[in-house]
Amino acid sequence: MEKERFENLVEDALAELPQQFKERLQNITVIVEAKPSREVYERMGGSAFSQILGLYHGVPFKHRGPFYGNIPPDVIVIYQKPIERICSTEKEVKKKVREVVFHEIAHYFGFDEKELKKIENL
């Protein structure tokens, strides 16, 4: 898939966020990269064979206090190639992109992996 088309899927997923969440997004950038770097795998404790589909870097919203400010934006990275590897069709890619974007936005709001697993299994 062309990078521009993939980026459009990420934009569509962001546009589909419920309004009450979109209104609370502040100081955040969402970018698309082809795949995680070696440093990302090392930091996440995985290998190049691990499935890292997205990553949130920043200060979760629930941990921001009155002195939070004047800092670079939080970043969500969506990794195109790993998502494409686990999907067979564009429809599957679109669904997975939406899932990954929502998952990383949940990290922005302060949910950890354990909490997200519990929610995703409902």
PDB file of N, CA and C in Angstrom:
ATOM      1  N   MET A   1       0.851  -1.168   0.000  1.00  0.00           N
ATOM      2  CA  MET A   1       0.000   0.000   0.000  1.00  0.00           C
ATOM      3  C   MET A   1       0.901   1.236   0.000  1.00  0.00           C
ATOM      4  N   GLU A   2       0.503   2.216  -0.767  1.00  0.00           N
ATOM      5  CA  GLU A   2       1.245   3.474  -0.789  1.00  0.00           C
ATOM      6  C   GLU A   2       1.177   4.129   0.587  1.00  0.00           C
ATOM      7  N   LYS A   3       2.267   4.795   0.981  1.00  0.00           N
ATOM      8  CA  LYS A   3       2.319   5.433   2.298  1.00  0.00           C
ATOM      9  C   LYS A   3       1.196   6.457   2.462  1.00  0.00           C
ATOM     10  N   GLU A   4       0.921   7.222   1.416  1.00  0.00           N
ATOM     11  CA  GLU A   4      -0.126   8.240   1.494  1.00  0.00           C
ATOM     12  C   GLU A   4      -1.493   7.614   1.791  1.00  0.00           C
ATOM     13  N   ARG A   5      -1.796   6.497   1.168  1.00  0.00           N
ATOM     14  CA  ARG A   5      -3.061   5.798   1.421  1.00  0.00           C
ATOM     15  C   ARG A   5      -3.118   5.317   2.868  1.00  0.00           C
ATOM     16  N   PHE A   6      -2.004   4.766   3.356  1.00  0.00           N
ATOM     17  CA  PHE A   6      -1.936   4.297   4.738  1.00  0.00           C
ATOM     18  C   PHE A   6      -2.126   5.472   5.700  1.00  0.00           C
ATOM     19  N   GLU A   7      -1.474   6.592   5.421  1.00  0.00           N
ATOM     20  CA  GLU A   7      -1.627   7.786   6.258  1.00  0.00           C
ATOM     21  C   GLU A   7      -3.084   8.249   6.288  1.00  0.00           C
ATOM     22  N   ASN A   8      -3.764   8.124   5.152  1.00  0.00           N
ATOM     23  CA  ASN A   8      -5.193   8.490   5.109  1.00  0.00           C
ATOM     24  C   ASN A   8      -6.020   7.580   6.016  1.00  0.00           C
ATOM     25  N   LEU A   9      -5.658   6.301   6.076  1.00  0.00           N
ATOM     26  CA  LEU A   9      -6.363   5.377   6.976  1.00  0.00           C
ATOM     27  C   LEU A   9      -6.153   5.779   8.434  1.00  0.00           C
ATOM     28  N   VAL A  10      -4.942   6.229   8.759  1.00  0.00           N
ATOM     29  CA  VAL A  10      -4.660   6.696  10.124  1.00  0.00           C
ATOM     30  C   VAL A  10      -5.490   7.951  10.415  1.00  0.00           C
ATOM     31  N   GLU A  11      -5.530   8.875   9.477  1.00  0.00           N
ATOM     32  CA  GLU A  11      -6.342  10.092   9.645  1.00  0.00           C
ATOM     33  C   GLU A  11      -7.815   9.744   9.814  1.00  0.00           C
ATOM     34  N   ASP A  12      -8.307   8.787   9.034  1.00  0.00           N
ATOM     35  CA  ASP A  12      -9.701   8.359   9.155  1.00  0.00           C
ATOM     36  C   ASP A  12      -9.976   7.788  10.542  1.00  0.00           C
ATOM     37  N   ALA A  13      -9.034   6.989  11.056  1.00  0.00           N
ATOM     38  CA  ALA A  13      -9.207   6.396  12.389  1.00  0.00           C
ATOM     39  C   ALA A  13      -9.257   7.488  13.454  1.00  0.00           C
ATOM     40  N   LEU A  14      -8.421   8.498  13.326  1.00  0.00           N
ATOM     41  CA  LEU A  14      -8.444   9.610  14.276  1.00  0.00           C
ATOM     42  C   LEU A  14      -9.766  10.373  14.199  1.00  0.00           C
ATOM     43  N   ALA A  15     -10.270  10.542  12.993  1.00  0.00           N
ATOM     44  CA  ALA A  15     -11.546  11.245  12.810  1.00  0.00           C
ATOM     45  C   ALA A  15     -12.709  10.464  13.412  1.00  0.00           C
ATOM     46  N   GLU A  16     -12.572   9.131  13.518  1.00  0.00           N
ATOM     47  CA  GLU A  16     -13.628   8.281  14.067  1.00  0.00           C
ATOM     48  C   GLU A  16     -13.636   8.236  15.593  1.00  0.00           C
ATOM     49  N   LEU A  17     -12.638   8.846  16.221  1.00  0.00           N
ATOM     50  CA  LEU A  17     -12.629   8.869  17.685  1.00  0.00           C
ATOM     51  C   LEU A  17     -13.888   9.566  18.190  1.00  0.00           C
ATOM     52  N   PRO A  18     -14.468   9.077  19.273  1.00  0.00           N
ATOM     53  CA  PRO A  18     -15.612   9.778  19.852  1.00  0.00           C
ATOM     54  C   PRO A  18     -15.237  11.226  20.201  1.00  0.00           C
ATOM     55  N   GLN A  19     -16.164  12.123  20.018  1.00  0.00           N
ATOM     56  CA  GLN A  19     -15.926  13.558  20.213  1.00  0.00           C
ATOM     57  C   GLN A  19     -15.348  13.871  21.598  1.00  0.00           C
ATOM     58  N   GLN A  20     -15.848  13.195  22.648  1.00  0.00           N
ATOM     59  CA  GLN A  20     -15.364  13.494  24.000  1.00  0.00           C
ATOM     60  C   GLN A  20     -13.884  13.169  24.163  1.00  0.00           C
ATOM     61  N   PHE A  21     -13.342  12.268  23.349  1.00  0.00           N
ATOM     62  CA  PHE A  21     -11.905  11.978  23.389  1.00  0.00           C
ATOM     63  C   PHE A  21     -11.139  12.966  22.524  1.00  0.00           C
ATOM     64  N   LYS A  22     -11.658  13.256  21.324  1.00  0.00           N
ATOM     65  CA  LYS A  22     -10.980  14.205  20.438  1.00  0.00           C
ATOM     66  C   LYS A  22     -10.804  15.553  21.120  1.00  0.00           C
ATOM     67  N   GLU A  23     -11.811  15.976  21.881  1.00  0.00           N
ATOM     68  CA  GLU A  23     -11.749  17.274  22.555  1.00  0.00           C
ATOM     69  C   GLU A  23     -10.645  17.335  23.601  1.00  0.00           C
ATOM     70  N   ARG A  24     -10.241  16.189  24.129  1.00  0.00           N
ATOM     71  CA  ARG A  24      -9.242  16.153  25.204  1.00  0.00           C
ATOM     72  C   ARG A  24      -7.822  15.906  24.685  1.00  0.00           C
ATOM     73  N   LEU A  25      -7.679  15.674  23.402  1.00  0.00           N
ATOM     74  CA  LEU A  25      -6.342  15.476  22.838  1.00  0.00           C
ATOM     75  C   LEU A  25      -5.621  16.817  22.759  1.00  0.00           C
ATOM     76  N   GLN A  26      -4.491  16.901  23.445  1.00  0.00           N
ATOM     77  CA  GLN A  26      -3.715  18.138  23.470  1.00  0.00           C
ATOM     78  C   GLN A  26      -2.240  17.799  23.361  1.00  0.00           C
ATOM     79  N   ASN A  27      -1.522  18.609  22.630  1.00  0.00           N
ATOM     80  CA  ASN A  27      -0.073  18.490  22.546  1.00  0.00           C
ATOM     81  C   ASN A  27       0.341  17.083  22.112  1.00  0.00           C
ATOM     82  N   ILE A  28      -0.229  16.621  21.007  1.00  0.00           N
ATOM     83  CA  ILE A  28       0.065  15.274  20.519  1.00  0.00           C
ATOM     84  C   ILE A  28       0.199  15.278  18.999  1.00  0.00           C
ATOM     85  N   THR A  29       1.124  14.475  18.520  1.00  0.00           N
ATOM     86  CA  THR A  29       1.350  14.302  17.091  1.00  0.00           C
ATOM     87  C   THR A  29       1.256  12.815  16.772  1.00  0.00           C
ATOM     88  N   VAL A  30       0.614  12.493  15.660  1.00  0.00           N
ATOM     89  CA  VAL A  30       0.515  11.106  15.204  1.00  0.00           C
ATOM     90  C   VAL A  30       1.256  11.020  13.873  1.00  0.00           C
ATOM     91  N   ILE A  31       2.207  10.087  13.811  1.00  0.00           N
ATOM     92  CA  ILE A  31       2.994   9.934  12.587  1.00  0.00           C
ATOM     93  C   ILE A  31       2.991   8.469  12.144  1.00  0.00           C
ATOM     94  N   VAL A  32       3.317   8.264  10.883  1.00  0.00           N
ATOM     95  CA  VAL A  32       3.447   6.921  10.317  1.00  0.00           C
ATOM     96  C   VAL A  32       4.914   6.707   9.971  1.00  0.00           C
ATOM     97  N   GLU A  33       5.429   5.556  10.394  1.00  0.00           N
ATOM     98  CA  GLU A  33       6.773   5.136   9.997  1.00  0.00           C
ATOM     99  C   GLU A  33       6.648   3.754   9.380  1.00  0.00           C
ATOM    100  N   ALA A  34       7.603   3.405   8.547  1.00  0.00           N
ATOM    101  CA  ALA A  34       7.557   2.112   7.859  1.00  0.00           C
ATOM    102  C   ALA A  34       7.603   0.958   8.861  1.00  0.00           C
ATOM    103  N   LYS A  35       8.573   1.000   9.776  1.00  0.00           N
ATOM    104  CA  LYS A  35       8.708  -0.083  10.757  1.00  0.00           C
ATOM    105  C   LYS A  35       9.485   0.443  11.954  1.00  0.00           C
ATOM    106  N   PRO A  36       9.380  -0.264  13.075  1.00  0.00           N
ATOM    107  CA  PRO A  36      10.137   0.166  14.253  1.00  0.00           C
ATOM    108  C   PRO A  36      11.641   0.038  14.029  1.00  0.00           C
ATOM    109  N   SER A  37      12.386   0.928  14.637  1.00  0.00           N
ATOM    110  CA  SER A  37      13.847   0.855  14.562  1.00  0.00           C
ATOM    111  C   SER A  37      14.366  -0.204  15.536  1.00  0.00           C
ATOM    112  N   ARG A  38      15.605  -0.547  15.401  1.00  0.00           N
ATOM    113  CA  ARG A  38      16.244  -1.495  16.316  1.00  0.00           C
ATOM    114  C   ARG A  38      16.167  -0.959  17.749  1.00  0.00           C
ATOM    115  N   GLU A  39      16.346   0.349  17.911  1.00  0.00           N
ATOM    116  CA  GLU A  39      16.286   0.959  19.238  1.00  0.00           C
ATOM    117  C   GLU A  39      14.914   0.778  19.875  1.00  0.00           C
ATOM    118  N   VAL A  40      13.857   0.862  19.075  1.00  0.00           N
ATOM    119  CA  VAL A  40      12.501   0.658  19.600  1.00  0.00           C
ATOM    120  C   VAL A  40      12.349  -0.773  20.081  1.00  0.00           C
ATOM    121  N   TYR A  41      12.792  -1.741  19.286  1.00  0.00           N
ATOM    122  CA  TYR A  41      12.711  -3.148  19.710  1.00  0.00           C
ATOM    123  C   TYR A  41      13.484  -3.367  21.014  1.00  0.00           C
ATOM    124  N   GLU A  42      14.683  -2.789  21.091  1.00  0.00           N
ATOM    125  CA  GLU A  42      15.502  -2.955  22.303  1.00  0.00           C
ATOM    126  C   GLU A  42      14.816  -2.324  23.511  1.00  0.00           C
ATOM    127  N   ARG A  43      14.273  -1.134  23.341  1.00  0.00           N
ATOM    128  CA  ARG A  43      13.605  -0.439  24.447  1.00  0.00           C
ATOM    129  C   ARG A  43      12.354  -1.177  24.901  1.00  0.00           C
ATOM    130  N   MET A  44      11.675  -1.821  23.963  1.00  0.00           N
ATOM    131  CA  MET A  44      10.448  -2.543  24.290  1.00  0.00           C
ATOM    132  C   MET A  44      10.733  -3.967  24.761  1.00  0.00           C
ATOM    133  N   GLY A  45      12.002  -4.363  24.746  1.00  0.00           N
ATOM    134  CA  GLY A  45      12.374  -5.690  25.214  1.00  0.00           C
ATOM    135  C   GLY A  45      12.021  -6.801  24.247  1.00  0.00           C
ATOM    136  N   GLY A  46      11.908  -6.467  22.976  1.00  0.00           N
ATOM    137  CA  GLY A  46      11.552  -7.475  21.974  1.00  0.00           C
ATOM    138  C   GLY A  46      12.665  -7.667  20.969  1.00  0.00           C
ATOM    139  N   SER A  47      12.386  -8.514  20.012  1.00  0.00           N
ATOM    140  CA  SER A  47      13.327  -8.745  18.925  1.00  0.00           C
ATOM    141  C   SER A  47      12.696  -8.243  17.632  1.00  0.00           C
ATOM    142  N   ALA A  48      13.467  -8.305  16.565  1.00  0.00           N
ATOM    143  CA  ALA A  48      12.957  -7.862  15.262  1.00  0.00           C
ATOM    144  C   ALA A  48      11.794  -8.732  14.788  1.00  0.00           C
ATOM    145  N   PHE A  49      11.572  -9.868  15.465  1.00  0.00           N
ATOM    146  CA  PHE A  49      10.458 -10.745  15.111  1.00  0.00           C
ATOM    147  C   PHE A  49       9.207 -10.420  15.928  1.00  0.00           C
ATOM    148  N   SER A  50       9.324  -9.493  16.871  1.00  0.00           N
ATOM    149  CA  SER A  50       8.168  -9.072  17.671  1.00  0.00           C
ATOM    150  C   SER A  50       7.220  -8.251  16.807  1.00  0.00           C
ATOM    151  N   GLN A  51       5.963  -8.232  17.211  1.00  0.00           N
ATOM    152  CA  GLN A  51       4.967  -7.439  16.492  1.00  0.00           C
ATOM    153  C   GLN A  51       4.748  -6.120  17.225  1.00  0.00           C
ATOM    154  N   ILE A  52       5.405  -5.072  16.789  1.00  0.00           N
ATOM    155  CA  ILE A  52       5.152  -3.737  17.318  1.00  0.00           C
ATOM    156  C   ILE A  52       4.420  -2.981  16.222  1.00  0.00           C
ATOM    157  N   LEU A  53       3.155  -2.707  16.454  1.00  0.00           N
ATOM    158  CA  LEU A  53       2.309  -2.077  15.441  1.00  0.00           C
ATOM    159  C   LEU A  53       2.182  -0.572  15.648  1.00  0.00           C
ATOM    160  N   GLY A  54       2.359  -0.138  16.887  1.00  0.00           N
ATOM    161  CA  GLY A  54       2.259   1.269  17.214  1.00  0.00           C
ATOM    162  C   GLY A  54       2.952   1.532  18.531  1.00  0.00           C
ATOM    163  N   LEU A  55       3.234   2.797  18.802  1.00  0.00           N
ATOM    164  CA  LEU A  55       3.945   3.146  20.024  1.00  0.00           C
ATOM    165  C   LEU A  55       3.567   4.552  20.457  1.00  0.00           C
ATOM    166  N   TYR A  56       3.340   4.703  21.758  1.00  0.00           N
ATOM    167  CA  TYR A  56       3.044   6.008  22.343  1.00  0.00           C
ATOM    168  C   TYR A  56       4.252   6.465  23.145  1.00  0.00           C
ATOM    169  N   HIS A  57       4.696   7.698  22.919  1.00  0.00           N
ATOM    170  CA  HIS A  57       5.772   8.326  23.687  1.00  0.00           C
ATOM    171  C   HIS A  57       5.195   9.594  24.305  1.00  0.00           C
ATOM    172  N   GLY A  58       5.297   9.729  25.612  1.00  0.00           N
ATOM    173  CA  GLY A  58       4.865  10.976  26.199  1.00  0.00           C
ATOM    174  C   GLY A  58       4.442  10.862  27.647  1.00  0.00           C
ATOM    175  N   VAL A  59       3.783  11.909  28.107  1.00  0.00           N
ATOM    176  CA  VAL A  59       3.255  11.971  29.461  1.00  0.00           C
ATOM    177  C   VAL A  59       1.756  11.725  29.364  1.00  0.00           C
ATOM    178  N   PRO A  60       1.290  10.576  29.879  1.00  0.00           N
ATOM    179  CA  PRO A  60      -0.145  10.290  29.788  1.00  0.00           C
ATOM    180  C   PRO A  60      -0.995  11.419  30.383  1.00  0.00           C
ATOM    181  N   PHE A  61      -2.109  11.669  29.753  1.00  0.00           N
ATOM    182  CA  PHE A  61      -3.009  12.760  30.110  1.00  0.00           C
ATOM    183  C   PHE A  61      -3.329  12.769  31.608  1.00  0.00           C
ATOM    184  N   LYS A  62      -3.587  11.595  32.183  1.00  0.00           N
ATOM    185  CA  LYS A  62      -3.979  11.551  33.594  1.00  0.00           C
ATOM    186  C   LYS A  62      -2.831  11.894  34.539  1.00  0.00           C
ATOM    187  N   HIS A  63      -1.607  11.941  34.036  1.00  0.00           N
ATOM    188  CA  HIS A  63      -0.448  12.285  34.869  1.00  0.00           C
ATOM    189  C   HIS A  63       0.005  13.736  34.670  1.00  0.00           C
ATOM    190  N   ARG A  64      -0.722  14.477  33.879  1.00  0.00           N
ATOM    191  CA  ARG A  64      -0.346  15.875  33.640  1.00  0.00           C
ATOM    192  C   ARG A  64      -0.934  16.740  34.752  1.00  0.00           C
ATOM    193  N   GLY A  65      -0.088  17.479  35.379  1.00  0.00           N
ATOM    194  CA  GLY A  65      -0.541  18.335  36.469  1.00  0.00           C
ATOM    195  C   GLY A  65      -0.600  19.788  36.057  1.00  0.00           C
ATOM    196  N   PRO A  66      -0.766  20.666  37.025  1.00  0.00           N
ATOM    197  CA  PRO A  66      -0.900  22.092  36.715  1.00  0.00           C
ATOM    198  C   PRO A  66       0.372  22.704  36.126  1.00  0.00           C
ATOM    199  N   PHE A  67       1.512  22.043  36.320  1.00  0.00           N
ATOM    200  CA  PHE A  67       2.764  22.591  35.801  1.00  0.00           C
ATOM    201  C   PHE A  67       3.167  21.976  34.471  1.00  0.00           C
ATOM    202  N   TYR A  68       2.277  21.140  33.907  1.00  0.00           N
ATOM    203  CA  TYR A  68       2.547  20.539  32.598  1.00  0.00           C
ATOM    204  C   TYR A  68       2.422  21.616  31.535  1.00  0.00           C
ATOM    205  N   GLY A  69       3.432  21.771  30.738  1.00  0.00           N
ATOM    206  CA  GLY A  69       3.372  22.752  29.661  1.00  0.00           C
ATOM    207  C   GLY A  69       4.763  23.065  29.146  1.00  0.00           C
ATOM    208  N   ASN A  70       4.799  23.746  28.032  1.00  0.00           N
ATOM    209  CA  ASN A  70       6.044  24.166  27.411  1.00  0.00           C
ATOM    210  C   ASN A  70       6.995  22.990  27.175  1.00  0.00           C
ATOM    211  N   ILE A  71       6.431  21.870  26.727  1.00  0.00           N
ATOM    212  CA  ILE A  71       7.241  20.695  26.407  1.00  0.00           C
ATOM    213  C   ILE A  71       6.869  20.220  25.002  1.00  0.00           C
ATOM    214  N   PRO A  72       7.748  19.447  24.367  1.00  0.00           N
ATOM    215  CA  PRO A  72       7.428  18.953  23.025  1.00  0.00           C
ATOM    216  C   PRO A  72       6.177  18.074  23.058  1.00  0.00           C
ATOM    217  N   PRO A  73       5.518  17.935  21.925  1.00  0.00           N
ATOM    218  CA  PRO A  73       4.297  17.115  21.905  1.00  0.00           C
ATOM    219  C   PRO A  73       4.576  15.637  22.148  1.00  0.00           C
ATOM    220  N   ASP A  74       3.577  14.969  22.732  1.00  0.00           N
ATOM    221  CA  ASP A  74       3.596  13.519  22.800  1.00  0.00           C
ATOM    222  C   ASP A  74       3.527  13.014  21.360  1.00  0.00           C
ATOM    223  N   VAL A  75       4.000  11.797  21.144  1.00  0.00           N
ATOM    224  CA  VAL A  75       4.017  11.248  19.791  1.00  0.00           C
ATOM    225  C   VAL A  75       3.420   9.848  19.802  1.00  0.00           C
ATOM    226  N   ILE A  76       2.534   9.601  18.860  1.00  0.00           N
ATOM    227  CA  ILE A  76       2.061   8.254  18.578  1.00  0.00           C
ATOM    228  C   ILE A  76       2.610   7.891  17.207  1.00  0.00           C
ATOM    229  N   VAL A  77       3.282   6.740  17.138  1.00  0.00           N
ATOM    230  CA  VAL A  77       3.821   6.257  15.868  1.00  0.00           C
ATOM    231  C   VAL A  77       3.031   5.012  15.486  1.00  0.00           C
ATOM    232  N   ILE A  78       2.535   5.000  14.253  1.00  0.00           N
ATOM    233  CA  ILE A  78       1.854   3.837  13.698  1.00  0.00           C
ATOM    234  C   ILE A  78       2.801   3.246  12.650  1.00  0.00           C
ATOM    235  N   TYR A  79       3.087   1.945  12.789  1.00  0.00           N
ATOM    236  CA  TYR A  79       4.057   1.290  11.913  1.00  0.00           C
ATOM    237  C   TYR A  79       3.350   0.551  10.778  1.00  0.00           C
ATOM    238  N   GLN A  80       3.586   1.011   9.563  1.00  0.00           N
ATOM    239  CA  GLN A  80       2.879   0.514   8.391  1.00  0.00           C
ATOM    240  C   GLN A  80       3.225  -0.932   8.040  1.00  0.00           C
ATOM    241  N   LYS A  81       4.482  -1.256   7.902  1.00  0.00           N
ATOM    242  CA  LYS A  81       4.870  -2.599   7.404  1.00  0.00           C
ATOM    243  C   LYS A  81       4.411  -3.729   8.332  1.00  0.00           C
ATOM    244  N   PRO A  82       4.588  -3.618   9.649  1.00  0.00           N
ATOM    245  CA  PRO A  82       4.097  -4.696  10.516  1.00  0.00           C
ATOM    246  C   PRO A  82       2.577  -4.896  10.421  1.00  0.00           C
ATOM    247  N   ILE A  83       1.849  -3.807  10.273  1.00  0.00           N
ATOM    248  CA  ILE A  83       0.392  -3.928  10.128  1.00  0.00           C
ATOM    249  C   ILE A  83       0.065  -4.622   8.809  1.00  0.00           C
ATOM    250  N   GLU A  84       0.723  -4.218   7.743  1.00  0.00           N
ATOM    251  CA  GLU A  84       0.463  -4.840   6.442  1.00  0.00           C
ATOM    252  C   GLU A  84       0.835  -6.321   6.449  1.00  0.00           C
ATOM    253  N   ARG A  85       1.890  -6.688   7.186  1.00  0.00           N
ATOM    254  CA  ARG A  85       2.324  -8.090   7.241  1.00  0.00           C
ATOM    255  C   ARG A  85       1.264  -9.005   7.843  1.00  0.00           C
ATOM    256  N   ILE A  86       0.485  -8.502   8.793  1.00  0.00           N
ATOM    257  CA  ILE A  86      -0.490  -9.376   9.460  1.00  0.00           C
ATOM    258  C   ILE A  86      -1.883  -9.280   8.839  1.00  0.00           C
ATOM    259  N   CYS A  87      -2.015  -8.483   7.798  1.00  0.00           N
ATOM    260  CA  CYS A  87      -3.316  -8.316   7.140  1.00  0.00           C
ATOM    261  C   CYS A  87      -3.247  -8.810   5.696  1.00  0.00           C
ATOM    262  N   SER A  88      -4.384  -9.337   5.218  1.00  0.00           N
ATOM    263  CA  SER A  88      -4.427  -9.870   3.855  1.00  0.00           C
ATOM    264  C   SER A  88      -5.073  -8.924   2.853  1.00  0.00           C
ATOM    265  N   THR A  89      -5.956  -8.071   3.351  1.00  0.00           N
ATOM    266  CA  THR A  89      -6.699  -7.189   2.452  1.00  0.00           C
ATOM    267  C   THR A  89      -6.640  -5.755   2.968  1.00  0.00           C
ATOM    268  N   GLU A  90      -7.000  -4.822   2.101  1.00  0.00           N
ATOM    269  CA  GLU A  90      -7.054  -3.422   2.522  1.00  0.00           C
ATOM    270  C   GLU A  90      -8.101  -3.231   3.619  1.00  0.00           C
ATOM    271  N   LYS A  91      -9.183  -3.978   3.544  1.00  0.00           N
ATOM    272  CA  LYS A  91     -10.218  -3.897   4.579  1.00  0.00           C
ATOM    273  C   LYS A  91      -9.650  -4.309   5.940  1.00  0.00           C
ATOM    274  N   GLU A  92      -8.838  -5.364   5.965  1.00  0.00           N
ATOM    275  CA  GLU A  92      -8.194  -5.796   7.204  1.00  0.00           C
ATOM    276  C   GLU A  92      -7.197  -4.747   7.701  1.00  0.00           C
ATOM    277  N   VAL A  93      -6.444  -4.145   6.770  1.00  0.00           N
ATOM    278  CA  VAL A  93      -5.491  -3.097   7.142  1.00  0.00           C
ATOM    279  C   VAL A  93      -6.247  -1.942   7.795  1.00  0.00           C
ATOM    280  N   LYS A  94      -7.344  -1.534   7.192  1.00  0.00           N
ATOM    281  CA  LYS A  94      -8.132  -0.425   7.738  1.00  0.00           C
ATOM    282  C   LYS A  94      -8.614  -0.743   9.158  1.00  0.00           C
ATOM    283  N   LYS A  95      -9.107  -1.950   9.357  1.00  0.00           N
ATOM    284  CA  LYS A  95      -9.596  -2.364  10.676  1.00  0.00           C
ATOM    285  C   LYS A  95      -8.450  -2.387  11.689  1.00  0.00           C
ATOM    286  N   LYS A  96      -7.306  -2.922  11.299  1.00  0.00           N
ATOM    287  CA  LYS A  96      -6.156  -3.006  12.207  1.00  0.00           C
ATOM    288  C   LYS A  96      -5.609  -1.620  12.524  1.00  0.00           C
ATOM    289  N   VAL A  97      -5.556  -0.729  11.538  1.00  0.00           N
ATOM    290  CA  VAL A  97      -5.095   0.639  11.781  1.00  0.00           C
ATOM    291  C   VAL A  97      -5.993   1.303  12.819  1.00  0.00           C
ATOM    292  N   ARG A  98      -7.285   1.157  12.659  1.00  0.00           N
ATOM    293  CA  ARG A  98      -8.232   1.740  13.615  1.00  0.00           C
ATOM    294  C   ARG A  98      -7.980   1.187  15.015  1.00  0.00           C
ATOM    295  N   GLU A  99      -7.806  -0.118  15.104  1.00  0.00           N
ATOM    296  CA  GLU A  99      -7.552  -0.773  16.389  1.00  0.00           C
ATOM    297  C   GLU A  99      -6.261  -0.244  17.028  1.00  0.00           C
ATOM    298  N   VAL A 100      -5.194  -0.133  16.240  1.00  0.00           N
ATOM    299  CA  VAL A 100      -3.904   0.318  16.768  1.00  0.00           C
ATOM    300  C   VAL A 100      -3.978   1.786  17.176  1.00  0.00           C
ATOM    301  N   VAL A 101      -4.611   2.613  16.363  1.00  0.00           N
ATOM    302  CA  VAL A 101      -4.752   4.034  16.710  1.00  0.00           C
ATOM    303  C   VAL A 101      -5.518   4.166  18.022  1.00  0.00           C
ATOM    304  N   PHE A 102      -6.633   3.471  18.160  1.00  0.00           N
ATOM    305  CA  PHE A 102      -7.424   3.546  19.391  1.00  0.00           C
ATOM    306  C   PHE A 102      -6.608   3.046  20.582  1.00  0.00           C
ATOM    307  N   HIS A 103      -5.828   1.978  20.376  1.00  0.00           N
ATOM    308  CA  HIS A 103      -4.996   1.414  21.440  1.00  0.00           C
ATOM    309  C   HIS A 103      -3.967   2.444  21.922  1.00  0.00           C
ATOM    310  N   GLU A 104      -3.295   3.102  20.983  1.00  0.00           N
ATOM    311  CA  GLU A 104      -2.273   4.085  21.351  1.00  0.00           C
ATOM    312  C   GLU A 104      -2.900   5.338  21.966  1.00  0.00           C
ATOM    313  N   ILE A 105      -4.074   5.727  21.496  1.00  0.00           N
ATOM    314  CA  ILE A 105      -4.787   6.853  22.115  1.00  0.00           C
ATOM    315  C   ILE A 105      -5.141   6.496  23.557  1.00  0.00           C
ATOM    316  N   ALA A 106      -5.489   5.242  23.805  1.00  0.00           N
ATOM    317  CA  ALA A 106      -5.786   4.802  25.179  1.00  0.00           C
ATOM    318  C   ALA A 106      -4.542   4.960  26.058  1.00  0.00           C
ATOM    319  N   HIS A 107      -3.350   4.675  25.522  1.00  0.00           N
ATOM    320  CA  HIS A 107      -2.116   4.905  26.288  1.00  0.00           C
ATOM    321  C   HIS A 107      -1.970   6.391  26.600  1.00  0.00           C
ATOM    322  N   TYR A 108      -2.304   7.240  25.646  1.00  0.00           N
ATOM    323  CA  TYR A 108      -2.261   8.688  25.872  1.00  0.00           C
ATOM    324  C   TYR A 108      -3.118   9.063  27.080  1.00  0.00           C
ATOM    325  N   PHE A 109      -4.265   8.421  27.212  1.00  0.00           N
ATOM    326  CA  PHE A 109      -5.159   8.719  28.338  1.00  0.00           C
ATOM    327  C   PHE A 109      -4.751   7.993  29.621  1.00  0.00           C
ATOM    328  N   GLY A 110      -3.682   7.196  29.569  1.00  0.00           N
ATOM    329  CA  GLY A 110      -3.134   6.617  30.777  1.00  0.00           C
ATOM    330  C   GLY A 110      -3.398   5.145  31.005  1.00  0.00           C
ATOM    331  N   PHE A 111      -4.028   4.463  30.075  1.00  0.00           N
ATOM    332  CA  PHE A 111      -4.265   3.028  30.223  1.00  0.00           C
ATOM    333  C   PHE A 111      -2.967   2.267  29.964  1.00  0.00           C
ATOM    334  N   ASP A 112      -2.682   1.266  30.806  1.00  0.00           N
ATOM    335  CA  ASP A 112      -1.510   0.434  30.563  1.00  0.00           C
ATOM    336  C   ASP A 112      -1.932  -0.827  29.809  1.00  0.00           C
ATOM    337  N   GLU A 113      -0.956  -1.648  29.434  1.00  0.00           N
ATOM    338  CA  GLU A 113      -1.239  -2.842  28.621  1.00  0.00           C
ATOM    339  C   GLU A 113      -2.200  -3.804  29.326  1.00  0.00           C
ATOM    340  N   LYS A 114      -2.019  -3.971  30.618  1.00  0.00           N
ATOM    341  CA  LYS A 114      -2.879  -4.884  31.369  1.00  0.00           C
ATOM    342  C   LYS A 114      -4.337  -4.418  31.326  1.00  0.00           C
ATOM    343  N   GLU A 115      -4.556  -3.127  31.544  1.00  0.00           N
ATOM    344  CA  GLU A 115      -5.918  -2.579  31.488  1.00  0.00           C
ATOM    345  C   GLU A 115      -6.502  -2.702  30.086  1.00  0.00           C
ATOM    346  N   LEU A 116      -5.683  -2.459  29.074  1.00  0.00           N
ATOM    347  CA  LEU A 116      -6.162  -2.541  27.698  1.00  0.00           C
ATOM    348  C   LEU A 116      -6.520  -3.965  27.303  1.00  0.00           C
ATOM    349  N   LYS A 117      -5.736  -4.932  27.751  1.00  0.00           N
ATOM    350  CA  LYS A 117      -6.050  -6.335  27.463  1.00  0.00           C
ATOM    351  C   LYS A 117      -7.422  -6.683  28.041  1.00  0.00           C
ATOM    352  N   LYS A 118      -7.669  -6.228  29.251  1.00  0.00           N
ATOM    353  CA  LYS A 118      -8.935  -6.506  29.910  1.00  0.00           C
ATOM    354  C   LYS A 118     -10.099  -5.888  29.117  1.00  0.00           C
ATOM    355  N   ILE A 119      -9.930  -4.646  28.666  1.00  0.00           N
ATOM    356  CA  ILE A 119     -10.971  -3.956  27.896  1.00  0.00           C
ATOM    357  C   ILE A 119     -11.174  -4.636  26.544  1.00  0.00           C
ATOM    358  N   GLU A 120     -10.074  -4.968  25.872  1.00  0.00           N
ATOM    359  CA  GLU A 120     -10.155  -5.558  24.531  1.00  0.00           C
ATOM    360  C   GLU A 120     -10.789  -6.942  24.560  1.00  0.00           C
ATOM    361  N   ASN A 121     -10.716  -7.624  25.688  1.00  0.00           N
ATOM    362  CA  ASN A 121     -11.293  -8.962  25.796  1.00  0.00           C
ATOM    363  C   ASN A 121     -12.757  -8.962  26.206  1.00  0.00           C
ATOM    364  N   LEU A 122     -13.333  -7.791  26.383  1.00  0.00           N
ATOM    365  CA  LEU A 122     -14.775  -7.736  26.749  1.00  0.00           C
ATOM    366  C   LEU A 122     -15.657  -8.077  25.581  1.00  0.00           C
TER     367      LEU A 122
END
